[in-house]
Amino acid sequence: MREMEFKMERQGLLTVGEKITISEGVLPTSFYYTINPSLAMSGNYTQRERLKSREGVVKSIEERPQGYYVIAEFNE
């Protein structure tokens, strides 16, 4: 299992255990991921860190001073 962190702006958009789908965005030298439909966004990842799976499960949601963070698990 691979874990990834996503930033979520508002509380209550996702719940622990919920199945999610993600889409991949491409930048000139990296990739980023968005939980559909635009609920949360990941940081940037290099080519070798690129995610192969497009479906996962929400493992936890953490509240930090910067906002809400979703930890999701992917089968890789």
PDB file of N, CA and C in Angstrom:
ATOM      1  N   MET A   1       0.832  -1.179   0.000  1.00  0.00           N
ATOM      2  CA  MET A   1       0.000   0.000   0.000  1.00  0.00           C
ATOM      3  C   MET A   1       0.879   1.245   0.000  1.00  0.00           C
ATOM      4  N   ARG A   2       0.455   2.209  -0.761  1.00  0.00           N
ATOM      5  CA  ARG A   2       1.159   3.488  -0.815  1.00  0.00           C
ATOM      6  C   ARG A   2       0.243   4.571  -0.256  1.00  0.00           C
ATOM      7  N   GLU A   3       0.805   5.425   0.574  1.00  0.00           N
ATOM      8  CA  GLU A   3       0.039   6.527   1.146  1.00  0.00           C
ATOM      9  C   GLU A   3       0.443   7.837   0.499  1.00  0.00           C
ATOM     10  N   MET A   4      -0.551   8.699   0.286  1.00  0.00           N
ATOM     11  CA  MET A   4      -0.304  10.036  -0.247  1.00  0.00           C
ATOM     12  C   MET A   4      -1.107  11.040   0.566  1.00  0.00           C
ATOM     13  N   GLU A   5      -0.585  12.263   0.633  1.00  0.00           N
ATOM     14  CA  GLU A   5      -1.236  13.324   1.381  1.00  0.00           C
ATOM     15  C   GLU A   5      -1.834  14.349   0.422  1.00  0.00           C
ATOM     16  N   PHE A   6      -3.061  14.772   0.729  1.00  0.00           N
ATOM     17  CA  PHE A   6      -3.775  15.759  -0.073  1.00  0.00           C
ATOM     18  C   PHE A   6      -4.252  16.880   0.840  1.00  0.00           C
ATOM     19  N   LYS A   7      -4.226  18.110   0.356  1.00  0.00           N
ATOM     20  CA  LYS A   7      -4.707  19.273   1.112  1.00  0.00           C
ATOM     21  C   LYS A   7      -6.160  19.511   0.747  1.00  0.00           C
ATOM     22  N   MET A   8      -7.017  19.596   1.791  1.00  0.00           N
ATOM     23  CA  MET A   8      -8.444  19.838   1.607  1.00  0.00           C
ATOM     24  C   MET A   8      -8.772  21.168   2.287  1.00  0.00           C
ATOM     25  N   GLU A   9      -9.438  22.059   1.610  1.00  0.00           N
ATOM     26  CA  GLU A   9      -9.695  23.399   2.122  1.00  0.00           C
ATOM     27  C   GLU A   9     -10.797  23.477   3.161  1.00  0.00           C
ATOM     28  N   ARG A  10     -11.807  22.606   3.078  1.00  0.00           N
ATOM     29  CA  ARG A  10     -12.942  22.669   4.008  1.00  0.00           C
ATOM     30  C   ARG A  10     -13.181  21.312   4.653  1.00  0.00           C
ATOM     31  N   GLN A  11     -13.652  21.341   5.841  1.00  0.00           N
ATOM     32  CA  GLN A  11     -13.977  20.130   6.577  1.00  0.00           C
ATOM     33  C   GLN A  11     -15.256  19.507   6.035  1.00  0.00           C
ATOM     34  N   GLY A  12     -15.349  18.174   6.120  1.00  0.00           N
ATOM     35  CA  GLY A  12     -16.583  17.492   5.773  1.00  0.00           C
ATOM     36  C   GLY A  12     -16.753  17.099   4.320  1.00  0.00           C
ATOM     37  N   LEU A  13     -15.774  17.350   3.484  1.00  0.00           N
ATOM     38  CA  LEU A  13     -15.901  16.986   2.073  1.00  0.00           C
ATOM     39  C   LEU A  13     -15.697  15.490   1.852  1.00  0.00           C
ATOM     40  N   LEU A  14     -14.887  14.862   2.713  1.00  0.00           N
ATOM     41  CA  LEU A  14     -14.598  13.434   2.623  1.00  0.00           C
ATOM     42  C   LEU A  14     -14.730  12.806   4.005  1.00  0.00           C
ATOM     43  N   THR A  15     -14.906  11.485   4.044  1.00  0.00           N
ATOM     44  CA  THR A  15     -14.961  10.766   5.307  1.00  0.00           C
ATOM     45  C   THR A  15     -13.968   9.612   5.283  1.00  0.00           C
ATOM     46  N   VAL A  16     -13.505   9.213   6.451  1.00  0.00           N
ATOM     47  CA  VAL A  16     -12.569   8.094   6.565  1.00  0.00           C
ATOM     48  C   VAL A  16     -13.254   6.826   6.054  1.00  0.00           C
ATOM     49  N   GLY A  17     -12.531   6.061   5.248  1.00  0.00           N
ATOM     50  CA  GLY A  17     -13.059   4.834   4.665  1.00  0.00           C
ATOM     51  C   GLY A  17     -13.707   5.019   3.310  1.00  0.00           C
ATOM     52  N   GLU A  18     -13.909   6.255   2.892  1.00  0.00           N
ATOM     53  CA  GLU A  18     -14.554   6.546   1.608  1.00  0.00           C
ATOM     54  C   GLU A  18     -13.633   6.184   0.455  1.00  0.00           C
ATOM     55  N   LYS A  19     -14.192   5.567  -0.593  1.00  0.00           N
ATOM     56  CA  LYS A  19     -13.430   5.267  -1.803  1.00  0.00           C
ATOM     57  C   LYS A  19     -13.349   6.538  -2.643  1.00  0.00           C
ATOM     58  N   ILE A  20     -12.157   6.791  -3.203  1.00  0.00           N
ATOM     59  CA  ILE A  20     -11.936   7.998  -3.993  1.00  0.00           C
ATOM     60  C   ILE A  20     -11.336   7.650  -5.347  1.00  0.00           C
ATOM     61  N   THR A  21     -11.531   8.532  -6.296  1.00  0.00           N
ATOM     62  CA  THR A  21     -10.836   8.463  -7.584  1.00  0.00           C
ATOM     63  C   THR A  21     -10.043   9.749  -7.728  1.00  0.00           C
ATOM     64  N   ILE A  22      -8.916   9.647  -8.398  1.00  0.00           N
ATOM     65  CA  ILE A  22      -8.080  10.823  -8.585  1.00  0.00           C
ATOM     66  C   ILE A  22      -7.772  11.025 -10.056  1.00  0.00           C
ATOM     67  N   SER A  23      -7.444  12.258 -10.387  1.00  0.00           N
ATOM     68  CA  SER A  23      -6.975  12.580 -11.727  1.00  0.00           C
ATOM     69  C   SER A  23      -5.556  13.131 -11.614  1.00  0.00           C
ATOM     70  N   GLU A  24      -4.797  12.951 -12.675  1.00  0.00           N
ATOM     71  CA  GLU A  24      -3.398  13.371 -12.690  1.00  0.00           C
ATOM     72  C   GLU A  24      -3.245  14.646 -13.509  1.00  0.00           C
ATOM     73  N   GLY A  25      -2.518  15.600 -12.956  1.00  0.00           N
ATOM     74  CA  GLY A  25      -2.184  16.821 -13.674  1.00  0.00           C
ATOM     75  C   GLY A  25      -0.705  16.796 -14.020  1.00  0.00           C
ATOM     76  N   VAL A  26      -0.351  17.376 -15.147  1.00  0.00           N
ATOM     77  CA  VAL A  26       1.032  17.337 -15.615  1.00  0.00           C
ATOM     78  C   VAL A  26       1.605  18.748 -15.643  1.00  0.00           C
ATOM     79  N   LEU A  27       2.773  18.902 -15.019  1.00  0.00           N
ATOM     80  CA  LEU A  27       3.548  20.138 -15.070  1.00  0.00           C
ATOM     81  C   LEU A  27       4.805  19.861 -15.886  1.00  0.00           C
ATOM     82  N   PRO A  28       5.589  20.865 -16.245  1.00  0.00           N
ATOM     83  CA  PRO A  28       6.769  20.606 -17.080  1.00  0.00           C
ATOM     84  C   PRO A  28       7.738  19.560 -16.503  1.00  0.00           C
ATOM     85  N   THR A  29       7.919  19.527 -15.190  1.00  0.00           N
ATOM     86  CA  THR A  29       8.877  18.570 -14.621  1.00  0.00           C
ATOM     87  C   THR A  29       8.291  17.714 -13.507  1.00  0.00           C
ATOM     88  N   SER A  30       6.979  17.751 -13.313  1.00  0.00           N
ATOM     89  CA  SER A  30       6.384  16.976 -12.227  1.00  0.00           C
ATOM     90  C   SER A  30       4.908  16.692 -12.481  1.00  0.00           C
ATOM     91  N   PHE A  31       4.304  15.967 -11.540  1.00  0.00           N
ATOM     92  CA  PHE A  31       2.900  15.578 -11.612  1.00  0.00           C
ATOM     93  C   PHE A  31       2.217  15.942 -10.300  1.00  0.00           C
ATOM     94  N   TYR A  32       0.911  16.192 -10.348  1.00  0.00           N
ATOM     95  CA  TYR A  32       0.133  16.411  -9.133  1.00  0.00           C
ATOM     96  C   TYR A  32      -1.198  15.681  -9.292  1.00  0.00           C
ATOM     97  N   TYR A  33      -1.883  15.448  -8.177  1.00  0.00           N
ATOM     98  CA  TYR A  33      -3.108  14.648  -8.194  1.00  0.00           C
ATOM     99  C   TYR A  33      -4.234  15.386  -7.492  1.00  0.00           C
ATOM    100  N   THR A  34      -5.441  15.215  -8.009  1.00  0.00           N
ATOM    101  CA  THR A  34      -6.630  15.844  -7.454  1.00  0.00           C
ATOM    102  C   THR A  34      -7.659  14.767  -7.152  1.00  0.00           C
ATOM    103  N   ILE A  35      -8.223  14.806  -5.940  1.00  0.00           N
ATOM    104  CA  ILE A  35      -9.316  13.897  -5.610  1.00  0.00           C
ATOM    105  C   ILE A  35     -10.571  14.466  -6.266  1.00  0.00           C
ATOM    106  N   ASN A  36     -11.197  13.668  -7.106  1.00  0.00           N
ATOM    107  CA  ASN A  36     -12.371  14.112  -7.862  1.00  0.00           C
ATOM    108  C   ASN A  36     -13.607  14.123  -6.995  1.00  0.00           C
ATOM    109  N   PRO A  37     -14.493  15.082  -7.174  1.00  0.00           N
ATOM    110  CA  PRO A  37     -14.461  16.231  -8.071  1.00  0.00           C
ATOM    111  C   PRO A  37     -13.852  17.468  -7.402  1.00  0.00           C
ATOM    112  N   SER A  38     -12.594  17.645  -7.517  1.00  0.00           N
ATOM    113  CA  SER A  38     -11.836  18.789  -6.981  1.00  0.00           C
ATOM    114  C   SER A  38     -12.043  18.994  -5.484  1.00  0.00           C
ATOM    115  N   LEU A  39     -11.914  17.916  -4.715  1.00  0.00           N
ATOM    116  CA  LEU A  39     -12.101  17.995  -3.270  1.00  0.00           C
ATOM    117  C   LEU A  39     -10.812  18.288  -2.525  1.00  0.00           C
ATOM    118  N   ALA A  40      -9.688  17.776  -3.030  1.00  0.00           N
ATOM    119  CA  ALA A  40      -8.393  17.971  -2.379  1.00  0.00           C
ATOM    120  C   ALA A  40      -7.288  17.792  -3.422  1.00  0.00           C
ATOM    121  N   MET A  41      -6.122  18.393  -3.158  1.00  0.00           N
ATOM    122  CA  MET A  41      -5.021  18.346  -4.116  1.00  0.00           C
ATOM    123  C   MET A  41      -3.727  17.940  -3.421  1.00  0.00           C
ATOM    124  N   SER A  42      -2.913  17.188  -4.137  1.00  0.00           N
ATOM    125  CA  SER A  42      -1.627  16.745  -3.609  1.00  0.00           C
ATOM    126  C   SER A  42      -0.544  17.780  -3.897  1.00  0.00           C
ATOM    127  N   GLY A  43       0.619  17.517  -3.360  1.00  0.00           N
ATOM    128  CA  GLY A  43       1.805  18.283  -3.731  1.00  0.00           C
ATOM    129  C   GLY A  43       2.311  17.781  -5.070  1.00  0.00           C
ATOM    130  N   ASN A  44       3.487  18.228  -5.473  1.00  0.00           N
ATOM    131  CA  ASN A  44       4.072  17.808  -6.741  1.00  0.00           C
ATOM    132  C   ASN A  44       4.963  16.587  -6.539  1.00  0.00           C
ATOM    133  N   TYR A  45       4.945  15.691  -7.521  1.00  0.00           N
ATOM    134  CA  TYR A  45       5.726  14.461  -7.486  1.00  0.00           C
ATOM    135  C   TYR A  45       6.561  14.347  -8.753  1.00  0.00           C
ATOM    136  N   THR A  46       7.747  13.772  -8.626  1.00  0.00           N
ATOM    137  CA  THR A  46       8.635  13.587  -9.775  1.00  0.00           C
ATOM    138  C   THR A  46       8.182  12.379 -10.589  1.00  0.00           C
ATOM    139  N   GLN A  47       8.829  12.168 -11.716  1.00  0.00           N
ATOM    140  CA  GLN A  47       8.500  11.052 -12.604  1.00  0.00           C
ATOM    141  C   GLN A  47       8.606   9.708 -11.881  1.00  0.00           C
ATOM    142  N   ARG A  48       9.643   9.513 -11.096  1.00  0.00           N
ATOM    143  CA  ARG A  48       9.822   8.210 -10.429  1.00  0.00           C
ATOM    144  C   ARG A  48       8.846   8.013  -9.263  1.00  0.00           C
ATOM    145  N   GLU A  49       8.210   9.097  -8.777  1.00  0.00           N
ATOM    146  CA  GLU A  49       7.223   9.007  -7.705  1.00  0.00           C
ATOM    147  C   GLU A  49       5.786   8.950  -8.237  1.00  0.00           C
ATOM    148  N   ARG A  50       5.643   8.926  -9.546  1.00  0.00           N
ATOM    149  CA  ARG A  50       4.334   8.980 -10.196  1.00  0.00           C
ATOM    150  C   ARG A  50       3.435   7.836  -9.728  1.00  0.00           C
ATOM    151  N   LEU A  51       2.179   8.143  -9.486  1.00  0.00           N
ATOM    152  CA  LEU A  51       1.198   7.179  -9.003  1.00  0.00           C
ATOM    153  C   LEU A  51       0.613   6.405 -10.178  1.00  0.00           C
ATOM    154  N   LYS A  52       0.532   5.089 -10.044  1.00  0.00           N
ATOM    155  CA  LYS A  52      -0.011   4.247 -11.117  1.00  0.00           C
ATOM    156  C   LYS A  52      -1.508   4.007 -10.948  1.00  0.00           C
ATOM    157  N   SER A  53      -1.959   3.900  -9.702  1.00  0.00           N
ATOM    158  CA  SER A  53      -3.360   3.624  -9.401  1.00  0.00           C
ATOM    159  C   SER A  53      -4.178   4.912  -9.450  1.00  0.00           C
ATOM    160  N   ARG A  54      -5.438   4.809  -9.812  1.00  0.00           N
ATOM    161  CA  ARG A  54      -6.323   5.976  -9.860  1.00  0.00           C
ATOM    162  C   ARG A  54      -7.476   5.869  -8.867  1.00  0.00           C
ATOM    163  N   GLU A  55      -7.482   4.795  -8.072  1.00  0.00           N
ATOM    164  CA  GLU A  55      -8.517   4.622  -7.058  1.00  0.00           C
ATOM    165  C   GLU A  55      -7.872   4.296  -5.727  1.00  0.00           C
ATOM    166  N   GLY A  56      -8.445   4.836  -4.659  1.00  0.00           N
ATOM    167  CA  GLY A  56      -7.899   4.612  -3.330  1.00  0.00           C
ATOM    168  C   GLY A  56      -8.973   4.746  -2.271  1.00  0.00           C
ATOM    169  N   VAL A  57      -8.521   4.749  -1.004  1.00  0.00           N
ATOM    170  CA  VAL A  57      -9.416   4.839   0.143  1.00  0.00           C
ATOM    171  C   VAL A  57      -8.852   5.881   1.102  1.00  0.00           C
ATOM    172  N   VAL A  58      -9.724   6.699   1.676  1.00  0.00           N
ATOM    173  CA  VAL A  58      -9.308   7.687   2.664  1.00  0.00           C
ATOM    174  C   VAL A  58      -8.951   6.955   3.957  1.00  0.00           C
ATOM    175  N   LYS A  59      -7.693   7.103   4.390  1.00  0.00           N
ATOM    176  CA  LYS A  59      -7.232   6.449   5.613  1.00  0.00           C
ATOM    177  C   LYS A  59      -7.473   7.321   6.840  1.00  0.00           C
ATOM    178  N   SER A  60      -7.175   8.613   6.723  1.00  0.00           N
ATOM    179  CA  SER A  60      -7.390   9.523   7.846  1.00  0.00           C
ATOM    180  C   SER A  60      -7.518  10.953   7.338  1.00  0.00           C
ATOM    181  N   ILE A  61      -8.084  11.806   8.200  1.00  0.00           N
ATOM    182  CA  ILE A  61      -8.190  13.238   7.915  1.00  0.00           C
ATOM    183  C   ILE A  61      -7.663  13.962   9.139  1.00  0.00           C
ATOM    184  N   GLU A  62      -6.685  14.838   8.921  1.00  0.00           N
ATOM    185  CA  GLU A  62      -6.043  15.556  10.018  1.00  0.00           C
ATOM    186  C   GLU A  62      -6.301  17.053   9.888  1.00  0.00           C
ATOM    187  N   GLU A  63      -6.576  17.682  11.018  1.00  0.00           N
ATOM    188  CA  GLU A  63      -6.714  19.136  11.032  1.00  0.00           C
ATOM    189  C   GLU A  63      -5.411  19.718  11.546  1.00  0.00           C
ATOM    190  N   ARG A  64      -4.814  20.615  10.775  1.00  0.00           N
ATOM    191  CA  ARG A  64      -3.569  21.297  11.130  1.00  0.00           C
ATOM    192  C   ARG A  64      -3.800  22.799  11.036  1.00  0.00           C
ATOM    193  N   PRO A  65      -2.877  23.602  11.558  1.00  0.00           N
ATOM    194  CA  PRO A  65      -3.050  25.061  11.443  1.00  0.00           C
ATOM    195  C   PRO A  65      -3.189  25.542   9.992  1.00  0.00           C
ATOM    196  N   GLN A  66      -2.591  24.823   9.040  1.00  0.00           N
ATOM    197  CA  GLN A  66      -2.648  25.222   7.635  1.00  0.00           C
ATOM    198  C   GLN A  66      -3.935  24.779   6.941  1.00  0.00           C
ATOM    199  N   GLY A  67      -4.709  23.899   7.573  1.00  0.00           N
ATOM    200  CA  GLY A  67      -5.936  23.403   6.952  1.00  0.00           C
ATOM    201  C   GLY A  67      -6.142  21.930   7.236  1.00  0.00           C
ATOM    202  N   TYR A  68      -6.917  21.268   6.395  1.00  0.00           N
ATOM    203  CA  TYR A  68      -7.237  19.862   6.556  1.00  0.00           C
ATOM    204  C   TYR A  68      -6.409  19.039   5.572  1.00  0.00           C
ATOM    205  N   TYR A  69      -5.899  17.914   6.051  1.00  0.00           N
ATOM    206  CA  TYR A  69      -5.072  17.043   5.221  1.00  0.00           C
ATOM    207  C   TYR A  69      -5.664  15.644   5.202  1.00  0.00           C
ATOM    208  N   VAL A  70      -5.801  15.104   3.995  1.00  0.00           N
ATOM    209  CA  VAL A  70      -6.348  13.775   3.783  1.00  0.00           C
ATOM    210  C   VAL A  70      -5.185  12.834   3.486  1.00  0.00           C
ATOM    211  N   ILE A  71      -5.122  11.739   4.219  1.00  0.00           N
ATOM    212  CA  ILE A  71      -4.149  10.684   3.934  1.00  0.00           C
ATOM    213  C   ILE A  71      -4.928   9.574   3.252  1.00  0.00           C
ATOM    214  N   ALA A  72      -4.518   9.233   2.041  1.00  0.00           N
ATOM    215  CA  ALA A  72      -5.212   8.206   1.270  1.00  0.00           C
ATOM    216  C   ALA A  72      -4.269   7.056   0.956  1.00  0.00           C
ATOM    217  N   GLU A  73      -4.817   5.850   0.882  1.00  0.00           N
ATOM    218  CA  GLU A  73      -4.046   4.652   0.556  1.00  0.00           C
ATOM    219  C   GLU A  73      -4.392   4.194  -0.849  1.00  0.00           C
ATOM    220  N   PHE A  74      -3.349   3.786  -1.570  1.00  0.00           N
ATOM    221  CA  PHE A  74      -3.508   3.281  -2.926  1.00  0.00           C
ATOM    222  C   PHE A  74      -2.833   1.928  -3.029  1.00  0.00           C
ATOM    223  N   ASN A  75      -3.414   1.026  -3.793  1.00  0.00           N
ATOM    224  CA  ASN A  75      -2.877  -0.317  -3.978  1.00  0.00           C
ATOM    225  C   ASN A  75      -1.767  -0.287  -5.025  1.00  0.00           C
ATOM    226  N   GLU A  76      -0.538  -0.234  -4.574  1.00  0.00           N
ATOM    227  CA  GLU A  76       0.601  -0.246  -5.503  1.00  0.00           C
ATOM    228  C   GLU A  76       1.660  -1.155  -4.993  1.00  0.00           C
TER     229      GLU A  76
END
